[in-house]
Protein backbone atom coordinates (compact mmCIF):
# COMPACT_ATOMS: atom_id res chain seq x y z
CA MET A 1 30.64 38.66 23.53
CA LEU A 2 32.84 39.08 20.20
CA ALA A 3 31.32 41.65 17.76
CA LEU A 4 32.49 43.75 14.76
CA LEU A 5 33.54 47.49 15.65
CA VAL A 6 32.56 49.89 12.06
CA ILE A 7 36.67 52.24 12.56
CA GLU A 8 36.22 54.81 9.55
CA SER A 9 34.82 55.56 6.51
CA THR A 10 35.67 56.42 2.59
CA ALA A 11 33.16 55.85 -0.10
CA PHE A 12 30.75 54.24 1.85
CA GLY A 13 30.39 55.24 5.46
CA VAL A 14 33.10 52.56 6.57
CA GLN A 15 37.06 51.54 5.95
CA SER A 16 37.16 48.27 7.60
CA LEU A 17 35.58 46.22 11.34
CA VAL A 18 38.21 44.20 13.39
CA ARG A 19 36.87 42.10 16.14
CA THR A 20 36.23 42.96 19.39
CA SER A 21 35.71 41.61 22.60
CA THR A 22 32.97 44.98 23.45
CA SER A 23 29.49 44.48 23.51
CA PRO A 24 27.69 45.95 20.75
CA ALA A 25 25.78 48.37 23.27
CA ALA A 26 28.92 49.42 25.08
CA VAL A 27 30.55 50.12 20.75
CA LEU A 28 26.87 52.28 20.26
CA ARG A 29 27.60 54.00 24.11
CA GLU A 30 31.10 54.76 23.79
CA SER A 31 30.53 56.41 20.18
CA SER A 32 27.76 58.33 21.50
CA MET A 33 29.79 59.57 24.28
CA GLU A 34 33.11 60.22 21.49
CA ASP A 35 30.79 62.78 18.93
CA GLY A 36 27.81 62.92 20.68
CA THR A 37 26.26 60.40 17.85
CA THR A 38 25.67 57.29 16.37
CA ASN A 39 25.96 57.79 12.44
CA ASP A 40 23.40 55.18 10.94
CA THR A 41 25.47 53.43 9.39
CA GLU A 42 27.41 51.91 12.46
CA ARG A 43 24.01 51.76 14.34
CA SER A 44 23.04 49.21 11.07
CA LEU A 45 26.33 47.28 11.32
CA LEU A 46 25.35 46.83 14.54
CA ARG A 47 22.20 45.43 14.14
CA ASN A 48 23.95 42.45 12.06
CA VAL A 49 26.30 41.80 14.43
CA VAL A 50 23.92 41.04 17.05
CA LYS A 51 20.90 39.98 14.69
CA LYS A 52 23.09 37.21 13.68
CA LYS A 53 24.15 35.99 17.77
CA MET A 54 20.22 36.22 18.08
CA LEU A 55 19.08 33.36 14.85
CA GLN A 56 22.79 32.35 16.26
CA LEU A 57 20.85 30.97 19.42
CA GLY A 58 17.58 30.47 18.85
CA ALA A 59 18.66 27.26 16.16
CA SER A 60 21.31 26.11 18.55
CA TYR A 61 18.28 25.81 21.45
CA ASP A 62 15.18 25.14 18.88
CA ARG A 63 13.44 28.95 19.19
CA GLY A 64 13.48 28.72 22.85
CA PHE A 65 12.26 24.63 23.64
CA GLY A 66 15.65 23.16 24.15
CA ALA A 67 16.82 26.55 26.06
CA SER A 68 19.15 26.11 28.95
CA PRO A 69 19.40 28.60 31.62
CA ASN A 70 22.66 29.96 31.13
CA ALA A 71 21.40 30.43 27.74
CA ARG A 72 18.00 32.04 28.65
CA ARG A 73 20.62 34.42 30.13
CA GLU A 74 22.35 35.00 26.84
CA MET A 75 19.52 35.77 24.43
CA GLU A 76 18.51 38.08 27.31
CA ARG A 77 21.31 40.12 26.86
CA VAL A 78 21.24 39.66 23.22
CA ILE A 79 17.82 41.03 23.36
CA SER A 80 18.74 43.68 24.87
CA GLU A 81 21.63 45.08 23.08
CA LEU A 82 19.16 45.02 19.93
CA GLU A 83 16.58 46.48 21.31
CA LEU A 84 18.90 50.12 22.48
CA LEU A 85 19.33 49.41 18.72
CA ASN A 86 15.51 50.21 17.91
CA ASP A 87 14.88 52.81 15.63
CA GLU A 88 10.92 52.67 15.76
CA THR A 89 9.47 54.86 17.05
CA ASP A 90 5.58 54.15 16.09
CA ALA A 91 5.23 50.08 15.13
CA ALA A 92 1.32 50.54 16.17
CA ARG A 93 0.33 52.71 13.85
CA GLY A 94 -1.69 51.28 11.05
CA ILE A 95 -2.61 48.02 13.56
CA ASP A 96 -6.57 48.98 12.52
CA GLY A 97 -6.18 49.23 9.90
CA THR A 98 -6.50 52.95 8.59
CA GLY A 99 -3.26 52.54 6.85
CA PHE A 100 0.41 51.85 6.24
CA ALA A 101 1.55 50.32 9.55
CA PRO A 102 4.88 48.87 9.11
CA LEU A 103 3.87 45.68 10.98
CA GLU A 104 2.51 44.76 8.19
CA GLY A 105 3.46 41.01 6.80
CA ASN A 106 4.23 37.46 7.76
CA TRP A 107 6.61 36.63 10.12
CA ARG A 108 7.79 33.51 12.07
CA MET A 109 8.58 33.05 15.18
CA ILE A 110 12.96 32.08 16.45
CA TRP A 111 12.51 32.43 19.75
CA THR A 112 10.61 32.99 22.87
CA THR A 113 10.50 32.52 26.55
CA ALA A 114 6.09 32.46 27.14
CA SER A 115 5.40 29.77 29.84
CA ASP A 116 1.77 29.00 27.48
CA VAL A 117 3.66 28.32 23.61
CA LEU A 118 6.74 26.28 25.50
CA VAL A 119 4.33 23.95 27.08
CA LEU A 120 3.31 22.87 23.75
CA GLY A 121 7.07 21.19 23.73
CA ALA A 122 5.79 19.02 26.52
CA SER A 123 3.26 17.46 24.92
CA PRO A 124 3.00 13.15 24.44
CA ILE A 125 1.85 12.83 20.87
CA PHE A 126 2.23 16.70 19.21
CA THR A 127 5.82 18.26 17.81
CA VAL A 128 5.68 21.83 17.48
CA GLY A 129 6.41 23.10 14.28
CA ALA A 130 6.26 26.55 13.25
CA ILE A 131 5.05 29.14 14.97
CA TYR A 132 3.35 31.99 13.02
CA GLN A 133 1.98 35.24 13.57
CA LEU A 134 0.46 37.16 10.58
CA TYR A 135 -0.36 40.80 10.96
CA GLU A 136 -3.51 42.20 8.09
CA PRO A 137 -4.43 45.39 9.85
CA PRO A 138 -6.76 45.06 11.68
CA ILE A 139 -6.34 41.05 11.83
CA VAL A 140 -3.61 38.99 14.07
CA THR A 141 -3.44 35.32 13.39
CA ASN A 142 -1.58 33.27 15.53
CA VAL A 143 -0.77 29.81 13.75
CA ILE A 144 0.84 27.10 14.87
CA ASP A 145 1.50 24.06 12.94
CA LEU A 146 1.51 20.70 15.54
CA ILE A 147 2.89 17.00 14.23
CA PRO A 148 2.19 13.50 15.27
CA ARG A 149 5.75 12.84 18.17
CA PHE A 150 5.55 9.55 16.51
CA GLN A 151 6.79 10.97 13.73
CA ASN A 152 10.03 12.10 14.62
CA LEU A 153 10.82 8.33 15.54
CA PHE A 154 10.99 6.85 12.20
CA PRO A 155 12.19 7.66 8.61
CA PRO A 156 10.61 9.40 5.77
CA ASN A 157 9.39 6.18 3.67
CA ILE A 158 7.84 4.25 7.32
CA ALA A 159 5.93 7.23 8.68
CA PRO A 160 3.62 9.71 6.06
CA SER A 161 4.35 13.58 7.20
CA SER A 162 1.18 14.20 8.84
CA LEU A 163 0.38 18.02 10.01
CA ILE A 164 -2.19 19.78 11.90
CA ARG A 165 -2.18 23.62 12.07
CA ALA A 166 -3.64 25.85 15.24
CA GLN A 167 -4.55 29.18 13.93
CA VAL A 168 -6.05 32.12 16.53
CA GLN A 169 -7.01 34.97 15.03
CA THR A 170 -7.73 37.93 16.53
CA ARG A 171 -8.34 41.75 16.15
CA SER A 172 -5.98 44.38 16.55
CA SER A 173 -6.41 48.03 17.60
CA SER A 174 -3.82 50.97 19.28
CA ARG A 175 -3.39 52.32 22.18
CA ALA A 176 -3.36 55.86 23.36
CA SER A 177 -0.38 57.33 24.32
CA TYR A 178 0.87 54.36 23.75
CA PRO A 179 2.43 54.12 19.80
CA MET A 180 4.51 50.94 20.75
CA ARG A 181 1.18 49.05 21.56
CA VAL A 182 -0.80 46.69 19.99
CA GLY A 183 -4.00 45.52 21.79
CA LEU A 184 -6.02 42.69 21.14
CA ASP A 185 -9.19 41.16 21.00
CA PHE A 186 -9.42 36.88 20.58
CA GLU A 187 -12.01 36.32 17.99
CA SER A 188 -11.77 32.56 17.10
CA VAL A 189 -10.02 29.56 16.13
CA ASN A 190 -8.99 26.82 13.29
CA VAL A 191 -7.28 23.64 13.77
CA GLN A 192 -7.11 22.80 10.32
CA PRO A 193 -5.29 19.01 9.15
CA VAL A 194 -3.31 20.42 7.10
CA GLU A 195 -1.43 17.00 5.97
CA LEU A 196 -2.59 13.17 6.87
CA LEU A 197 0.20 10.44 5.97
CA GLY A 198 2.01 12.48 3.36
CA GLN A 199 -1.51 12.61 1.33
CA ASP A 200 -3.60 16.38 1.84
CA ALA A 201 -6.08 16.33 4.43
CA GLY A 202 -7.92 19.09 3.35
CA PHE A 203 -11.03 17.86 2.64
CA LEU A 204 -12.02 17.41 6.20
CA PRO A 205 -13.51 20.07 8.15
CA PRO A 206 -11.50 21.59 10.09
CA LEU A 207 -12.52 22.29 13.86
CA ALA A 208 -13.11 26.00 14.26
CA PHE A 209 -15.34 28.55 17.07
CA ASP A 210 -16.18 31.71 17.79
CA LEU A 211 -15.19 32.86 20.99
CA PRO A 212 -17.46 35.25 22.75
CA ARG A 213 -16.93 37.88 24.53
CA LEU A 214 -18.47 38.64 26.92
CA PHE A 215 -17.36 41.95 28.32
CA GLU A 216 -15.18 45.01 27.09
CA LEU A 217 -12.45 44.35 28.23
CA PRO A 218 -10.29 47.28 29.89
CA ASP A 219 -7.27 48.67 27.77
CA ASP A 220 -4.25 47.14 30.11
CA VAL A 221 -5.80 43.65 29.62
CA GLY A 222 -4.75 42.01 26.05
CA TYR A 223 -1.95 43.72 24.24
CA PHE A 224 1.56 43.17 23.57
CA ASP A 225 4.71 46.17 23.41
CA VAL A 226 6.99 46.16 20.04
CA THR A 227 10.34 46.74 22.05
CA PHE A 228 12.51 45.83 18.24
CA LEU A 229 10.86 46.55 13.99
CA ASP A 230 12.78 46.37 10.95
CA GLU A 231 12.61 45.14 7.49
CA GLU A 232 14.16 41.91 9.36
CA LEU A 233 12.86 41.45 13.12
CA LEU A 234 10.55 42.71 15.37
CA ILE A 235 10.54 42.14 19.49
CA ILE A 236 6.84 42.07 21.04
CA LYS A 237 6.36 41.58 24.97
CA GLN A 238 3.31 40.32 25.68
CA ASN A 239 1.04 42.01 29.05
CA ALA A 240 -0.45 38.43 29.62
CA PRO A 241 0.82 35.42 30.44
CA GLY A 242 4.14 37.48 29.80
CA GLY A 243 6.89 36.52 28.09
CA LEU A 244 8.09 38.03 24.69
CA PHE A 245 8.79 36.58 21.26
CA VAL A 246 11.87 37.30 18.50
CA LEU A 247 10.11 36.80 15.13
CA ALA A 248 11.91 37.32 11.52
CA ARG A 249 9.21 38.06 8.66
CA VAL A 250 9.22 35.48 5.70
CA ASP A 251 7.69 35.99 2.66
CA ASP A 252 4.10 33.53 3.39
CA ALA A 253 3.13 30.67 6.10
CA ASP A 254 2.91 28.38 4.29
CA PRO A 255 3.00 24.65 5.77
């Protein structure tokens, strides 16, 4: 992978950038071996290089829905590179609503390997639109926009747009001794028509129901681990049914 290697600094810590075939992780290791440390400027620039590659893969392979085995392996490598550049050590702080939470905000999915999400792409009825995770501690809401598949076969003037939004609300909590782990308890499901044949469908009643909590789940069930977090990007790995998500911070999650 082509990466940008930081050479030296004069005013801002960077004198010039050159292209190299060395991966960002290798650059990081080499820099650390030379002087025992890696400065913040180097890490920031290397993060930006890896993020760019990640965004390119996500766009090229429809967030993982259209990924070939080679593309999945390439993304796994890129994710591993970025995880080495993670500076966040307490991502779960404030997730229970008791203080500042670095996860708080709106995050849109740009890649996943989770089978429970990828299977949605095989639906003969709907195609998958935007997918979000909305963090309003202690509430975390998973949002999936679904678009009728036939709509993509015709120009907009022939098949006016329709959209259904599905939301699963969970309550988040921290896990003792695991500062990068977020526990989740599923609370409710809401499926709401948003647009129907080009018209606002907000007047239609949603399909909504609470999820019964029949027993207390142990701490080793129902959680995800944060493996990378900064102001722009989030990577999480869910416990069950497995898989990871790469998400980008966005201003809102409007349909």
